[in-house]
Amino acid sequence: GPSGTVASKRLGAEVSVGGGLGDTSASSPDLEAGGLDADVVMAMVKRSLYELNVPVYEAQEERGRTNTGAIMEHMKSIASSSKARRAHGIHMALLFSATEDGVSLGKRRRLFLLSIMITVFQSIVLQTIVTESSYPRCMEDEDCRAGEFCGSTLLFGRTSPGMCDDCMWTDEGIWNYSEEHPHPLDYAATFDNQIYVDKQAYCNVTDKFPDRCDHLVHNQDLLSGAGYFVLLFVAVVTLIPVVQDLDQASDERVVMDARGGYGPLYYFSHVLRVYGLPFYVTAASASLILSNPFTSQEFLLNGLAIGFASCIDDMLSFFFVTKERRERVEEVVERLLDEQDRVRGWKRNRLHGVTLSLTLFVTVVFCEDLMKYFGGSSHTFHRVDGVWRTPCGDINSVLMNFQGVATGIVALVRAVFNERNITWRDVAEDFGMVFVIGFFAQFLIPWPGDLLHFGN
């Protein structure tokens, strides 16, 4: 073929120069006769063949460089899209839609209210978990934990099913000296005499610590070094979704300022997400852990359960918002956010998350000690006769009151070190809004869950 002909010509030239032979068609015996070494001939052949294929090699190298560049650009694209996807969920999509050009005031308010209702729904679910864990439903006394009996519900006095409460409330002496601060449920008046006597007899046998919460004492005695380690791990991992939600809320505030959508409804939604939802996530996590045996398995399972519940808003985004809509939102958001905004929010939110993790850990480990400072019934007994009693019902008080104090401290720190608060008036307004959220979280959000749990 043509390639062979060219190769033969080049080989002949090399032989002529190297061996002094002018005949390029010489056969092998003639080459050997001229004294040309066979190894030299093979080297010449390889060199000639390489020169023939240099354009092919260069084309292959160029294609390799092109493919490598394409791969690198593709990887950068994936990294960029991953960065965008981590940032925002259903709330950003709603707020983005509310601030688009041409949106009416009525539609804007409805979108803001929908964002608020999503957060309220999550909070109600988490609060219901707190209530159910503190006062489990029961049919018989044996359904309850150690040191508890099956009493009637706080609403309507239902006994089948009833709810578990501390055996301390079957002691007639409790009612004699606590008339000034009565318990909301006087079991002696609720049950007929025989049932009340049976409850007393059951508690006299099973209640090992009449002035303390038996199952809490038992669980804390079981806690080992490995349990402390796993508990601390779960306290951190459980609240990672909360920190991610705080990142989203920080980005949303920057975007709302840039798009002119900052108003009372958005501000309420923002503060509720930053302080209200983390409050309930921490309280629900602690309540599940405190209501079950203190083992590594229970710690992990309860932590995963609450982590799932706190990610509902992100799941709603993937379910209701189209891919095209999400991509459009992400493009605008990435254009509005600068690195300085991300760094500032990153620091505040991690500090907030660490504080919540420590609060969860301290609540579980020192719950009985905290009852003396944050429990309702414990203070009542101590004021009457100077004796500290820690009934199981005060676990719920600790979850609400202690978590509330921790949230208030975090809110003050965030308000003082928020670069957007220029004057002390801005700090006072930012911090003062937390009390509005506190009232909302303590008195309004618990009602749906309490009504469903205590009223049925």
Foldseek 3Di string as FASTA:
>chain_A
DVVVVVLLVQLLVVCCVPQVDNDSPDDPVVCVVSVDDPVVSVVSSVVSVCVVCVVVVVVVVVVVVVVVVVVVVVVVVVVVVVVLLLAAFDLLLLQVVLLDPPHDPVSNLVSLVVLLVVLLVLLLVLLLLLVCLLKPKDQFQVVDDFQWGQFAFLPPRDVRTHIIWGLLLLDPVVCVQLVVPDDSDNRPVSDDPVVSVVSNVVNVPRHPDNQEAVLLVVQLVVQDPVLLVLLLVLLLVLCPLLLSQLSNLLLSVLVCVVSVNDDDSNVLSSLCSNQVNLLSLLLSLLSQCSSDHSDSVSNVVSSVVSSVSSCVRRVVRVVPPDPVSSVVSSVVSVVRDDPVSSVVSNVLSVVVSVLSSVLSSCCSNCVQVCCCVQFDVQVSVCVRPNDGGYISSRSSRCSLRVSLVSSLVSQLVCLVPPPVQPDVVSSCVSSVVVVVSSCCSPPPSNVVSSCVPRVD
